[in-house]
Structure formats: structure tokens, C-alpha cells
Amino acid sequence: MEKNFSKVNLNPSKFAAVGALVFLYIFFSIFGINFFSYGTLVNILDSSYYLGFMAVGVTFVIITGGIDLSIGTVMVASALIGGVAYNNWGLPIGWALFISVLTGTLFGFLNGILIAKLGLPPFVATLGSMMMAQGIGAIISQVRTVRFPDITQPDGWFKHVFYKSSSGFPVGIIWLALVFVVAYIILYKTKIGRYTFAIGSNEEAVRLSGVNVAKWKIIVYTISGLLSGMASIMYAAAYTSIVPATGAGLELLAIAAVVIGGTSLSGGKGSLSGTIIGVYIMAVLKQGLMSMNLQPHYQTLFTGIVLVIAVLYDIYRNKKMG
């Protein structure tokens, strides 16, 4: 099994993703306005935090052959509920952030139950959860923008802890690195990871061997929800103001990063390091298009093009290996 993991970890898609990342950075450095600067580099890092958390979580899901379309709205709903807990319920900021993480985790657990126990297709189950999260967030916030404390307020310390230090250092990169390391250990060194790959490779064979597939699927979707809840902290730290009924579409950026990084949508193959590279491709693309004075809808267009190319390459690779 370890040998198989090594092959997955060294798949050619990851190296193609590295090449694409280097190419994009050089391209925008030449043609963008002030792209090659420390300020832009910090903006690229800032853009990667909440997206990276979501992408790492959904990597587990996609390796099993599933999908999680709810992570974007779950992240925003978690931030909204945490913000309401702080502003309206009078809870300390620490407890409010814990409630945000707990909310994301519960949504992930719900997805796991719907898929593993009730037999709903992942697309349908997580699409339903996406809409439920959007609705619940709007209801609890009473369709009002929720604001977290900024750095000038006493409880604004959480921004220094999760987003940027008082000296301006992007501490979010440290949190993303820690999450990556923990997720890497879980995926490649534990039973959870072994069954994640095994279920994606041949779920029926795993079931016939006596493994409780439902249990491991629930764990995988719960991990995705947990990381969406954690992403909500990074999102709140970055933006302060959280708007209800938003978040739809952010899941596509995370899924695009995962696929670009070499994780196969057909399941059984995946790379967390490739996912992180994909996250930075998305972040560089966003900042690069902004440096060329292009409107946000161009980012959506080019993200779609990059995703289609990545999926086509995945199909080609699977046919070649098959």
C-alpha cells in the first residue's frame, strides 16, 4: 500500500502543475502592472488561506470518488453563525470561532450520513447541503451582514493570530502549512488515509473484504466539513464583514485547485502537495488578472478554462494507464 501511495505522490500532474505555476508567475511578472513585488506576493499568500483549507479537505472526498459542493456556503454559514454568536449572543471571540468550526464539522457529518447511510449520490447530497447552509446562515444572521472585530478593537487579536501579525507578517501561511502537515500524515500514514484511497480505487472490493465503508466515508466528509469550518476563521480574519447568502462558487475554486494538482475525479489517486500547488495557481491567476486590470469575471472564465484542461488531462492519463 505504501508503494502505491508513493506512486500517487509522484504523479506527473503535480510536476505539470508546478510548471504551470512558474509559467503563470513569469507571465504576469512580465505583462502585469507591479505584479513582481513583495506586496503582490503577500496578496497571493492572503488569497490562499481559506481556499487552501477547503481544498485540502475536499481532496479527501475526491480521492474516495465523491464530491463536496457545499464547502463554499458551509464556510460562509460557519462564519456567519460564529459572528452572530459573538455579536448577538455575547460569547467571547474564542468560543465564537469554536462554534464556527463546530458548524462546519456538523455539516460535513451530515453530508457523510446522507451519502454513506441514506445512499444519496454525493452530488445531490452536497448540493442540498449547499443550499441548506446558505439558508441557515441567512436565517440565523437575519439576512444582515455580520462583522467580526477589526484590529483596532480589543478582540481583534484573532486577526493577528490567524491572518497577519502586528508587523505585517502573513501568519496565515503558517496555519496552512500546519494543516497541510497534519492532513498529509492522516492521508499517507494512517488507516483513514489507506481506506480513503482504497474506497476510491474499488469501493465494492473494500466492502466485500469486510470493511465498514459507511464509517470511513462519514469520517472523510466530516474532515471536509471540519476544514471548511476552519476556513471560515481565515475568511473572517481576512474580510471582517461576512455577507449572508454568499459562498456559492467558492467550492469550484477549491475543486479546481484539487484537480489541477493531480487528484483524479474518478477517485483512487490524489496528492495533497499537488493540491497546494493548485491553490497557488488559483491565487496567482486571481492576482495576475487583477494586475492586468481585468474584471473579476475574467478570473471566472480562465478558471473554467484551466479546470477543463486539467480534467481533460486527467481523462487522458486514466485512459493511458488503463
C-alpha atoms as a PDB file:
ATOM      1  CA  MET A   1       0.000   0.000   0.000  1.00  0.00           C
ATOM      2  CA  GLU A   2       2.852   2.412   0.795  1.00  0.00           C
ATOM      3  CA  LYS A   3       4.299   1.799  -2.644  1.00  0.00           C
ATOM      4  CA  ASN A   4       1.040   2.776  -4.241  1.00  0.00           C
ATOM      5  CA  PHE A   5       0.969   5.953  -2.170  1.00  0.00           C
ATOM      6  CA  SER A   6       4.448   6.842  -3.402  1.00  0.00           C
ATOM      7  CA  LYS A   7       3.337   6.491  -6.986  1.00  0.00           C
ATOM      8  CA  VAL A   8       0.343   8.673  -6.316  1.00  0.00           C
ATOM      9  CA  ASN A   9       2.518  11.258  -4.644  1.00  0.00           C
ATOM     10  CA  LEU A  10       4.847  11.441  -7.647  1.00  0.00           C
ATOM     11  CA  ASN A  11       2.256  11.578 -10.397  1.00  0.00           C
ATOM     12  CA  PRO A  12       3.178  13.656 -13.469  1.00  0.00           C
ATOM     13  CA  SER A  13       0.225  16.016 -12.988  1.00  0.00           C
ATOM     14  CA  LYS A  14       1.928  17.524  -9.953  1.00  0.00           C
ATOM     15  CA  PHE A  15       5.004  18.388 -11.964  1.00  0.00           C
ATOM     16  CA  ALA A  16       2.835  19.796 -14.741  1.00  0.00           C
ATOM     17  CA  ALA A  17       1.115  21.930 -12.098  1.00  0.00           C
ATOM     18  CA  VAL A  18       4.483  23.225 -10.855  1.00  0.00           C
ATOM     19  CA  GLY A  19       5.381  24.150 -14.437  1.00  0.00           C
ATOM     20  CA  ALA A  20       2.044  25.921 -14.865  1.00  0.00           C
ATOM     21  CA  LEU A  21       2.555  27.853 -11.603  1.00  0.00           C
ATOM     22  CA  VAL A  22       6.044  29.005 -12.647  1.00  0.00           C
ATOM     23  CA  PHE A  23       4.794  29.932 -16.125  1.00  0.00           C
ATOM     24  CA  LEU A  24       1.896  31.992 -14.763  1.00  0.00           C
ATOM     25  CA  TYR A  25       4.138  33.824 -12.295  1.00  0.00           C
ATOM     26  CA  ILE A  26       6.643  34.712 -15.012  1.00  0.00           C
ATOM     27  CA  PHE A  27       3.887  35.670 -17.466  1.00  0.00           C
ATOM     28  CA  PHE A  28       2.175  38.055 -15.053  1.00  0.00           C
ATOM     29  CA  SER A  29       5.532  39.439 -13.879  1.00  0.00           C
ATOM     30  CA  ILE A  30       6.201  40.478 -17.493  1.00  0.00           C
ATOM     31  CA  PHE A  31       2.752  41.632 -18.563  1.00  0.00           C
ATOM     32  CA  GLY A  32       1.138  42.647 -15.260  1.00  0.00           C
ATOM     33  CA  ILE A  33       1.457  46.020 -13.550  1.00  0.00           C
ATOM     34  CA  ASN A  34       3.616  45.822 -10.393  1.00  0.00           C
ATOM     35  CA  PHE A  35       2.955  42.077 -10.173  1.00  0.00           C
ATOM     36  CA  PHE A  36       6.549  41.189  -9.332  1.00  0.00           C
ATOM     37  CA  SER A  37       6.597  42.833  -5.926  1.00  0.00           C
ATOM     38  CA  TYR A  38       6.511  41.951  -2.238  1.00  0.00           C
ATOM     39  CA  GLY A  39       3.014  43.427  -1.887  1.00  0.00           C
ATOM     40  CA  THR A  40       1.637  41.178  -4.624  1.00  0.00           C
ATOM     41  CA  LEU A  41       3.356  38.150  -3.117  1.00  0.00           C
ATOM     42  CA  VAL A  42       1.664  38.864   0.222  1.00  0.00           C
ATOM     43  CA  ASN A  43      -1.689  39.255  -1.582  1.00  0.00           C
ATOM     44  CA  ILE A  44      -1.146  35.867  -3.260  1.00  0.00           C
ATOM     45  CA  LEU A  45      -0.489  34.293   0.124  1.00  0.00           C
ATOM     46  CA  ASP A  46      -3.526  36.043   1.640  1.00  0.00           C
ATOM     47  CA  SER A  47      -5.723  34.666  -1.162  1.00  0.00           C
ATOM     48  CA  SER A  48      -4.612  31.120  -0.448  1.00  0.00           C
ATOM     49  CA  TYR A  49      -5.600  30.614   3.194  1.00  0.00           C
ATOM     50  CA  TYR A  50      -9.324  29.860   3.239  1.00  0.00           C
ATOM     51  CA  LEU A  51      -9.158  28.368  -0.265  1.00  0.00           C
ATOM     52  CA  GLY A  52      -6.303  26.111   0.832  1.00  0.00           C
ATOM     53  CA  PHE A  53      -8.197  24.837   3.878  1.00  0.00           C
ATOM     54  CA  MET A  54     -11.231  23.957   1.753  1.00  0.00           C
ATOM     55  CA  ALA A  55      -9.094  22.368  -0.968  1.00  0.00           C
ATOM     56  CA  VAL A  56      -7.187  20.158   1.479  1.00  0.00           C
ATOM     57  CA  GLY A  57     -10.474  18.913   2.964  1.00  0.00           C
ATOM     58  CA  VAL A  58     -12.178  18.217  -0.346  1.00  0.00           C
ATOM     59  CA  THR A  59      -9.074  16.340  -1.560  1.00  0.00           C
ATOM     60  CA  PHE A  60     -10.004  13.530   0.839  1.00  0.00           C
ATOM     61  CA  VAL A  61     -13.523  13.454  -0.570  1.00  0.00           C
ATOM     62  CA  ILE A  62     -12.468  13.436  -4.221  1.00  0.00           C
ATOM     63  CA  ILE A  63      -9.949  10.637  -3.621  1.00  0.00           C
ATOM     64  CA  THR A  64     -12.874   8.463  -2.460  1.00  0.00           C
ATOM     65  CA  GLY A  65     -14.592   9.185  -5.776  1.00  0.00           C
ATOM     66  CA  GLY A  66     -17.044  11.628  -4.182  1.00  0.00           C
ATOM     67  CA  ILE A  67     -17.594  15.381  -4.388  1.00  0.00           C
ATOM     68  CA  ASP A  68     -18.500  18.107  -1.905  1.00  0.00           C
ATOM     69  CA  LEU A  69     -20.290  21.085  -3.416  1.00  0.00           C
ATOM     70  CA  SER A  70     -21.240  22.519  -0.028  1.00  0.00           C
ATOM     71  CA  ILE A  71     -17.833  23.671   1.237  1.00  0.00           C
ATOM     72  CA  GLY A  72     -18.154  27.276  -0.008  1.00  0.00           C
ATOM     73  CA  THR A  73     -21.537  28.032   1.534  1.00  0.00           C
ATOM     74  CA  VAL A  74     -20.705  25.960   4.634  1.00  0.00           C
ATOM     75  CA  MET A  75     -17.623  28.129   5.158  1.00  0.00           C
ATOM     76  CA  VAL A  76     -19.646  31.355   4.903  1.00  0.00           C
ATOM     77  CA  ALA A  77     -22.503  29.977   7.037  1.00  0.00           C
ATOM     78  CA  SER A  78     -19.993  28.896   9.699  1.00  0.00           C
ATOM     79  CA  ALA A  79     -18.506  32.395   9.738  1.00  0.00           C
ATOM     80  CA  LEU A  80     -21.985  33.946   9.946  1.00  0.00           C
ATOM     81  CA  ILE A  81     -23.049  31.739  12.849  1.00  0.00           C
ATOM     82  CA  GLY A  82     -19.792  32.412  14.683  1.00  0.00           C
ATOM     83  CA  GLY A  83     -20.259  36.135  14.095  1.00  0.00           C
ATOM     84  CA  VAL A  84     -23.799  36.033  15.458  1.00  0.00           C
ATOM     85  CA  ALA A  85     -22.549  34.107  18.493  1.00  0.00           C
ATOM     86  CA  TYR A  86     -20.051  36.910  19.140  1.00  0.00           C
ATOM     87  CA  ASN A  87     -22.214  39.934  18.358  1.00  0.00           C
ATOM     88  CA  ASN A  88     -25.708  38.828  19.398  1.00  0.00           C
ATOM     89  CA  TRP A  89     -25.241  36.013  21.878  1.00  0.00           C
ATOM     90  CA  GLY A  90     -22.422  37.756  23.722  1.00  0.00           C
ATOM     91  CA  LEU A  91     -19.967  34.866  23.598  1.00  0.00           C
ATOM     92  CA  PRO A  92     -16.207  35.538  23.775  1.00  0.00           C
ATOM     93  CA  ILE A  93     -14.468  35.605  20.405  1.00  0.00           C
ATOM     94  CA  GLY A  94     -12.677  32.322  21.160  1.00  0.00           C
ATOM     95  CA  TRP A  95     -15.966  30.485  21.701  1.00  0.00           C
ATOM     96  CA  ALA A  96     -17.454  32.138  18.628  1.00  0.00           C
ATOM     97  CA  LEU A  97     -14.601  30.813  16.486  1.00  0.00           C
ATOM     98  CA  PHE A  98     -15.060  27.358  18.034  1.00  0.00           C
ATOM     99  CA  ILE A  99     -18.759  27.464  17.085  1.00  0.00           C
ATOM    100  CA  SER A 100     -17.733  28.325  13.510  1.00  0.00           C
ATOM    101  CA  VAL A 101     -15.520  25.231  13.342  1.00  0.00           C
ATOM    102  CA  LEU A 102     -18.190  23.078  15.004  1.00  0.00           C
ATOM    103  CA  THR A 103     -20.797  24.274  12.474  1.00  0.00           C
ATOM    104  CA  GLY A 104     -18.629  23.251   9.535  1.00  0.00           C
ATOM    105  CA  THR A 105     -17.898  19.893  11.143  1.00  0.00           C
ATOM    106  CA  LEU A 106     -21.614  19.173  11.671  1.00  0.00           C
ATOM    107  CA  PHE A 107     -22.384  19.972   8.053  1.00  0.00           C
ATOM    108  CA  GLY A 108     -19.626  17.587   6.976  1.00  0.00           C
ATOM    109  CA  PHE A 109     -21.028  14.886   9.266  1.00  0.00           C
ATOM    110  CA  LEU A 110     -24.496  15.478   7.785  1.00  0.00           C
ATOM    111  CA  ASN A 111     -23.093  15.029   4.284  1.00  0.00           C
ATOM    112  CA  GLY A 112     -21.483  11.772   5.365  1.00  0.00           C
ATOM    113  CA  ILE A 113     -24.760  10.457   6.808  1.00  0.00           C
ATOM    114  CA  LEU A 114     -26.747  11.428   3.709  1.00  0.00           C
ATOM    115  CA  ILE A 115     -24.244   9.736   1.396  1.00  0.00           C
ATOM    116  CA  ALA A 116     -22.985   6.746   3.375  1.00  0.00           C
ATOM    117  CA  LYS A 117     -26.094   5.810   5.368  1.00  0.00           C
ATOM    118  CA  LEU A 118     -29.023   7.062   3.285  1.00  0.00           C
ATOM    119  CA  GLY A 119     -27.470   6.327  -0.095  1.00  0.00           C
ATOM    120  CA  LEU A 120     -27.820   9.731  -1.716  1.00  0.00           C
ATOM    121  CA  PRO A 121     -25.395  10.452  -4.575  1.00  0.00           C
ATOM    122  CA  PRO A 122     -22.646  12.832  -3.377  1.00  0.00           C
ATOM    123  CA  PHE A 123     -23.598  15.441  -5.974  1.00  0.00           C
ATOM    124  CA  VAL A 124     -27.230  15.550  -4.812  1.00  0.00           C
ATOM    125  CA  ALA A 125     -26.468  15.342  -1.076  1.00  0.00           C
ATOM    126  CA  THR A 126     -23.864  18.103  -1.064  1.00  0.00           C
ATOM    127  CA  LEU A 127     -25.888  20.279  -3.438  1.00  0.00           C
ATOM    128  CA  GLY A 128     -28.717  20.055  -0.908  1.00  0.00           C
ATOM    129  CA  SER A 129     -26.333  20.855   1.936  1.00  0.00           C
ATOM    130  CA  MET A 130     -25.010  23.805  -0.039  1.00  0.00           C
ATOM    131  CA  MET A 131     -28.494  25.309  -0.211  1.00  0.00           C
ATOM    132  CA  MET A 132     -29.269  24.414   3.411  1.00  0.00           C
ATOM    133  CA  ALA A 133     -26.082  26.091   4.622  1.00  0.00           C
ATOM    134  CA  GLN A 134     -26.855  29.196   2.610  1.00  0.00           C
ATOM    135  CA  GLY A 135     -30.378  29.319   4.026  1.00  0.00           C
ATOM    136  CA  ILE A 136     -29.420  28.599   7.633  1.00  0.00           C
ATOM    137  CA  GLY A 137     -26.695  31.243   7.557  1.00  0.00           C
ATOM    138  CA  ALA A 138     -29.154  33.830   6.232  1.00  0.00           C
ATOM    139  CA  ILE A 139     -31.837  32.869   8.772  1.00  0.00           C
ATOM    140  CA  ILE A 140     -29.573  32.966  11.818  1.00  0.00           C
ATOM    141  CA  SER A 141     -27.994  36.260  10.734  1.00  0.00           C
ATOM    142  CA  GLN A 142     -31.465  37.627   9.844  1.00  0.00           C
ATOM    143  CA  VAL A 143     -30.057  38.390   6.374  1.00  0.00           C
ATOM    144  CA  ARG A 144     -27.787  41.042   7.861  1.00  0.00           C
ATOM    145  CA  THR A 145     -24.081  41.467   7.297  1.00  0.00           C
ATOM    146  CA  VAL A 146     -22.164  40.100  10.270  1.00  0.00           C
ATOM    147  CA  ARG A 147     -18.984  41.876  11.336  1.00  0.00           C
ATOM    148  CA  PHE A 148     -16.065  40.481  13.262  1.00  0.00           C
ATOM    149  CA  PRO A 149     -13.855  42.811  15.350  1.00  0.00           C
ATOM    150  CA  ASP A 150     -11.095  44.576  13.433  1.00  0.00           C
ATOM    151  CA  ILE A 151      -7.544  45.001  14.653  1.00  0.00           C
ATOM    152  CA  THR A 152      -8.337  48.304  16.400  1.00  0.00           C
ATOM    153  CA  GLN A 153     -10.791  46.582  18.771  1.00  0.00           C
ATOM    154  CA  PRO A 154      -9.864  44.558  21.859  1.00  0.00           C
ATOM    155  CA  ASP A 155     -10.989  41.237  20.344  1.00  0.00           C
ATOM    156  CA  GLY A 156      -9.226  41.964  17.083  1.00  0.00           C
ATOM    157  CA  TRP A 157      -6.318  39.841  18.326  1.00  0.00           C
ATOM    158  CA  PHE A 158      -7.664  36.901  16.330  1.00  0.00           C
ATOM    159  CA  LYS A 159      -6.684  38.691  13.112  1.00  0.00           C
ATOM    160  CA  HIS A 160      -3.077  38.865  14.307  1.00  0.00           C
ATOM    161  CA  VAL A 161      -3.217  35.189  15.242  1.00  0.00           C
ATOM    162  CA  PHE A 162      -4.812  33.837  12.064  1.00  0.00           C
ATOM    163  CA  TYR A 163      -4.211  36.417   9.340  1.00  0.00           C
ATOM    164  CA  LYS A 164      -1.443  38.989   9.745  1.00  0.00           C
ATOM    165  CA  SER A 165       0.858  39.765  12.655  1.00  0.00           C
ATOM    166  CA  SER A 166       1.221  43.279  14.040  1.00  0.00           C
ATOM    167  CA  SER A 167       4.423  43.578  11.984  1.00  0.00           C
ATOM    168  CA  GLY A 168       2.552  42.627   8.799  1.00  0.00           C
ATOM    169  CA  PHE A 169       3.871  39.051   8.531  1.00  0.00           C
ATOM    170  CA  PRO A 170       1.288  36.778   6.802  1.00  0.00           C
ATOM    171  CA  VAL A 171       0.834  34.272   9.644  1.00  0.00           C
ATOM    172  CA  GLY A 172      -1.950  32.544   7.739  1.00  0.00           C
ATOM    173  CA  ILE A 173       0.715  30.739   5.731  1.00  0.00           C
ATOM    174  CA  ILE A 174       1.895  29.074   8.950  1.00  0.00           C
ATOM    175  CA  TRP A 175      -1.619  27.808   9.700  1.00  0.00           C
ATOM    176  CA  LEU A 176      -1.997  26.495   6.158  1.00  0.00           C
ATOM    177  CA  ALA A 177       1.362  24.730   6.460  1.00  0.00           C
ATOM    178  CA  LEU A 178       0.323  23.144   9.776  1.00  0.00           C
ATOM    179  CA  VAL A 179      -2.973  21.954   8.316  1.00  0.00           C
ATOM    180  CA  PHE A 180      -1.120  20.520   5.326  1.00  0.00           C
ATOM    181  CA  VAL A 181       1.296  18.591   7.548  1.00  0.00           C
ATOM    182  CA  VAL A 182      -1.481  17.138   9.716  1.00  0.00           C
ATOM    183  CA  ALA A 183      -3.599  16.247   6.669  1.00  0.00           C
ATOM    184  CA  TYR A 184      -0.559  14.694   4.978  1.00  0.00           C
ATOM    185  CA  ILE A 185       0.100  12.461   7.983  1.00  0.00           C
ATOM    186  CA  ILE A 186      -3.568  11.424   8.124  1.00  0.00           C
ATOM    187  CA  LEU A 187      -3.783  10.689   4.397  1.00  0.00           C
ATOM    188  CA  TYR A 188      -0.487   8.845   3.954  1.00  0.00           C
ATOM    189  CA  LYS A 189       0.325   7.397   7.374  1.00  0.00           C
ATOM    190  CA  THR A 190      -2.985   6.350   8.979  1.00  0.00           C
ATOM    191  CA  LYS A 191      -5.806   3.905   8.460  1.00  0.00           C
ATOM    192  CA  ILE A 192      -8.106   6.781   7.433  1.00  0.00           C
ATOM    193  CA  GLY A 193      -5.829   7.528   4.501  1.00  0.00           C
ATOM    194  CA  ARG A 194      -5.444   3.891   3.481  1.00  0.00           C
ATOM    195  CA  TYR A 195      -9.200   3.399   3.334  1.00  0.00           C
ATOM    196  CA  THR A 196      -9.689   6.749   1.595  1.00  0.00           C
ATOM    197  CA  PHE A 197      -7.520   5.578  -1.299  1.00  0.00           C
ATOM    198  CA  ALA A 198      -8.925   2.049  -1.201  1.00  0.00           C
ATOM    199  CA  ILE A 199     -12.561   3.201  -1.380  1.00  0.00           C
ATOM    200  CA  GLY A 200     -11.758   5.440  -4.335  1.00  0.00           C
ATOM    201  CA  SER A 201      -9.928   2.641  -6.142  1.00  0.00           C
ATOM    202  CA  ASN A 202     -12.558  -0.078  -5.681  1.00  0.00           C
ATOM    203  CA  GLU A 203     -15.307   0.548  -3.152  1.00  0.00           C
ATOM    204  CA  GLU A 204     -17.071  -2.768  -3.760  1.00  0.00           C
ATOM    205  CA  ALA A 205     -13.894  -4.776  -3.173  1.00  0.00           C
ATOM    206  CA  VAL A 206     -13.317  -2.898   0.080  1.00  0.00           C
ATOM    207  CA  ARG A 207     -16.891  -3.611   1.174  1.00  0.00           C
ATOM    208  CA  LEU A 208     -16.596  -7.319   0.306  1.00  0.00           C
ATOM    209  CA  SER A 209     -13.405  -7.548   2.353  1.00  0.00           C
ATOM    210  CA  GLY A 210     -15.478  -6.721   5.449  1.00  0.00           C
ATOM    211  CA  VAL A 211     -14.589  -3.061   5.868  1.00  0.00           C
ATOM    212  CA  ASN A 212     -17.300  -0.715   7.159  1.00  0.00           C
ATOM    213  CA  VAL A 213     -17.234   1.615   4.136  1.00  0.00           C
ATOM    214  CA  ALA A 214     -20.011   3.842   5.506  1.00  0.00           C
ATOM    215  CA  LYS A 215     -17.959   4.621   8.620  1.00  0.00           C
ATOM    216  CA  TRP A 216     -14.916   5.739   6.651  1.00  0.00           C
ATOM    217  CA  LYS A 217     -16.978   7.792   4.210  1.00  0.00           C
ATOM    218  CA  ILE A 218     -18.601   9.640   7.109  1.00  0.00           C
ATOM    219  CA  ILE A 219     -15.136  10.357   8.526  1.00  0.00           C
ATOM    220  CA  VAL A 220     -13.908  11.678   5.167  1.00  0.00           C
ATOM    221  CA  TYR A 221     -16.861  14.052   4.697  1.00  0.00           C
ATOM    222  CA  THR A 222     -16.572  15.153   8.320  1.00  0.00           C
ATOM    223  CA  ILE A 223     -12.917  16.060   7.689  1.00  0.00           C
ATOM    224  CA  SER A 224     -14.033  18.145   4.704  1.00  0.00           C
ATOM    225  CA  GLY A 225     -16.620  19.917   6.865  1.00  0.00           C
ATOM    226  CA  LEU A 226     -14.116  20.454   9.693  1.00  0.00           C
ATOM    227  CA  LEU A 227     -11.676  22.148   7.334  1.00  0.00           C
ATOM    228  CA  SER A 228     -14.479  24.272   5.870  1.00  0.00           C
ATOM    229  CA  GLY A 229     -15.241  25.399   9.412  1.00  0.00           C
ATOM    230  CA  MET A 230     -11.583  26.203   9.970  1.00  0.00           C
ATOM    231  CA  ALA A 231     -11.521  28.040   6.644  1.00  0.00           C
ATOM    232  CA  SER A 232     -14.331  30.240   7.982  1.00  0.00           C
ATOM    233  CA  ILE A 233     -11.937  31.612  10.623  1.00  0.00           C
ATOM    234  CA  MET A 234      -9.414  32.553   7.941  1.00  0.00           C
ATOM    235  CA  TYR A 235     -12.229  34.041   5.854  1.00  0.00           C
ATOM    236  CA  ALA A 236     -13.497  36.134   8.772  1.00  0.00           C
ATOM    237  CA  ALA A 237      -9.976  37.268   9.622  1.00  0.00           C
ATOM    238  CA  ALA A 238      -9.387  38.330   6.015  1.00  0.00           C
ATOM    239  CA  TYR A 239     -12.687  40.091   5.280  1.00  0.00           C
ATOM    240  CA  THR A 240     -14.176  41.071   8.704  1.00  0.00           C
ATOM    241  CA  SER A 241     -17.636  41.638   7.130  1.00  0.00           C
ATOM    242  CA  ILE A 242     -19.491  38.429   6.212  1.00  0.00           C
ATOM    243  CA  VAL A 243     -22.433  38.793   3.832  1.00  0.00           C
ATOM    244  CA  PRO A 244     -25.346  36.300   4.058  1.00  0.00           C
ATOM    245  CA  ALA A 245     -26.365  34.144   1.076  1.00  0.00           C
ATOM    246  CA  THR A 246     -22.846  34.148  -0.379  1.00  0.00           C
ATOM    247  CA  GLY A 247     -20.163  31.482  -0.760  1.00  0.00           C
ATOM    248  CA  ALA A 248     -21.644  29.634  -3.750  1.00  0.00           C
ATOM    249  CA  GLY A 249     -18.921  29.309  -6.357  1.00  0.00           C
ATOM    250  CA  LEU A 250     -16.010  29.251  -3.917  1.00  0.00           C
ATOM    251  CA  GLU A 251     -16.238  25.464  -3.831  1.00  0.00           C
ATOM    252  CA  LEU A 252     -15.470  25.394  -7.557  1.00  0.00           C
ATOM    253  CA  LEU A 253     -12.200  27.253  -6.975  1.00  0.00           C
ATOM    254  CA  ALA A 254     -11.213  24.682  -4.330  1.00  0.00           C
ATOM    255  CA  ILE A 255     -12.225  21.737  -6.510  1.00  0.00           C
ATOM    256  CA  ALA A 256     -10.362  23.275  -9.458  1.00  0.00           C
ATOM    257  CA  ALA A 257      -7.232  23.553  -7.302  1.00  0.00           C
ATOM    258  CA  VAL A 258      -7.535  19.886  -6.305  1.00  0.00           C
ATOM    259  CA  VAL A 259      -7.983  18.656  -9.884  1.00  0.00           C
ATOM    260  CA  ILE A 260      -5.231  20.915 -11.235  1.00  0.00           C
ATOM    261  CA  GLY A 261      -2.959  19.460  -8.552  1.00  0.00           C
ATOM    262  CA  GLY A 262      -3.407  15.958  -9.951  1.00  0.00           C
ATOM    263  CA  THR A 263      -6.194  14.390  -7.871  1.00  0.00           C
ATOM    264  CA  SER A 264      -8.399  12.290 -10.128  1.00  0.00           C
ATOM    265  CA  LEU A 265     -12.147  12.941 -10.166  1.00  0.00           C
ATOM    266  CA  SER A 266     -12.624   9.219 -10.750  1.00  0.00           C
ATOM    267  CA  GLY A 267     -11.127   8.531  -7.323  1.00  0.00           C
ATOM    268  CA  GLY A 268      -8.268   6.431  -6.020  1.00  0.00           C
ATOM    269  CA  LYS A 269      -5.500   8.885  -6.906  1.00  0.00           C
ATOM    270  CA  GLY A 270      -4.541  12.134  -5.226  1.00  0.00           C
ATOM    271  CA  SER A 271      -1.799  14.390  -3.958  1.00  0.00           C
ATOM    272  CA  LEU A 272      -2.048  16.918  -1.144  1.00  0.00           C
ATOM    273  CA  SER A 273       1.140  18.647  -2.250  1.00  0.00           C
ATOM    274  CA  GLY A 274      -0.387  18.890  -5.724  1.00  0.00           C
ATOM    275  CA  THR A 275      -3.496  20.409  -4.159  1.00  0.00           C
ATOM    276  CA  ILE A 276      -1.428  23.157  -2.504  1.00  0.00           C
ATOM    277  CA  ILE A 277       0.242  23.888  -5.844  1.00  0.00           C
ATOM    278  CA  GLY A 278      -3.222  24.109  -7.405  1.00  0.00           C
ATOM    279  CA  VAL A 279      -4.293  26.544  -4.682  1.00  0.00           C
ATOM    280  CA  TYR A 280      -1.399  28.844  -5.522  1.00  0.00           C
ATOM    281  CA  ILE A 281      -2.169  28.578  -9.233  1.00  0.00           C
ATOM    282  CA  MET A 282      -5.655  29.877  -8.418  1.00  0.00           C
ATOM    283  CA  ALA A 283      -4.211  32.634  -6.219  1.00  0.00           C
ATOM    284  CA  VAL A 284      -1.623  33.704  -8.815  1.00  0.00           C
ATOM    285  CA  LEU A 285      -4.297  33.671 -11.527  1.00  0.00           C
ATOM    286  CA  LYS A 286      -6.532  35.922  -9.424  1.00  0.00           C
ATOM    287  CA  GLN A 287      -3.816  38.451  -8.562  1.00  0.00           C
ATOM    288  CA  GLY A 288      -2.300  38.287 -12.034  1.00  0.00           C
ATOM    289  CA  LEU A 289      -5.547  39.103 -13.813  1.00  0.00           C
ATOM    290  CA  MET A 290      -6.087  41.970 -11.371  1.00  0.00           C
ATOM    291  CA  SER A 291      -2.590  43.284 -12.185  1.00  0.00           C
ATOM    292  CA  MET A 292      -3.622  43.395 -15.847  1.00  0.00           C
ATOM    293  CA  ASN A 293      -6.705  45.471 -14.918  1.00  0.00           C
ATOM    294  CA  LEU A 294      -9.098  42.708 -15.961  1.00  0.00           C
ATOM    295  CA  GLN A 295     -12.500  42.429 -14.274  1.00  0.00           C
ATOM    296  CA  PRO A 296     -13.309  39.547 -11.853  1.00  0.00           C
ATOM    297  CA  HIS A 297     -15.428  37.729 -14.445  1.00  0.00           C
ATOM    298  CA  TYR A 298     -12.238  37.124 -16.428  1.00  0.00           C
ATOM    299  CA  GLN A 299     -10.938  35.157 -13.471  1.00  0.00           C
ATOM    300  CA  THR A 300     -14.062  33.000 -13.647  1.00  0.00           C
ATOM    301  CA  LEU A 301     -13.557  32.482 -17.389  1.00  0.00           C
ATOM    302  CA  PHE A 302      -9.892  31.494 -17.102  1.00  0.00           C
ATOM    303  CA  THR A 303     -10.518  29.357 -14.044  1.00  0.00           C
ATOM    304  CA  GLY A 304     -13.092  27.418 -16.075  1.00  0.00           C
ATOM    305  CA  ILE A 305     -10.645  27.006 -18.946  1.00  0.00           C
ATOM    306  CA  VAL A 306      -7.879  25.786 -16.613  1.00  0.00           C
ATOM    307  CA  LEU A 307     -10.291  23.348 -14.911  1.00  0.00           C
ATOM    308  CA  VAL A 308     -11.455  21.896 -18.235  1.00  0.00           C
ATOM    309  CA  ILE A 309      -7.840  21.404 -19.354  1.00  0.00           C
ATOM    310  CA  ALA A 310      -6.994  19.701 -16.051  1.00  0.00           C
ATOM    311  CA  VAL A 311      -9.987  17.341 -16.293  1.00  0.00           C
ATOM    312  CA  LEU A 312      -9.188  16.502 -19.927  1.00  0.00           C
ATOM    313  CA  TYR A 313      -5.629  15.714 -18.886  1.00  0.00           C
ATOM    314  CA  ASP A 314      -6.945  13.523 -16.058  1.00  0.00           C
ATOM    315  CA  ILE A 315      -9.144  11.607 -18.513  1.00  0.00           C
ATOM    316  CA  TYR A 316      -6.228  11.192 -20.904  1.00  0.00           C
ATOM    317  CA  ARG A 317      -3.947   9.963 -18.126  1.00  0.00           C
ATOM    318  CA  ASN A 318      -6.510   7.449 -16.871  1.00  0.00           C
ATOM    319  CA  LYS A 319      -7.047   6.065 -20.385  1.00  0.00           C
ATOM    320  CA  LYS A 320      -3.297   5.792 -20.898  1.00  0.00           C
ATOM    321  CA  MET A 321      -2.816   3.995 -17.586  1.00  0.00           C
ATOM    322  CA  GLY A 322      -5.868   1.809 -18.196  1.00  0.00           C
END
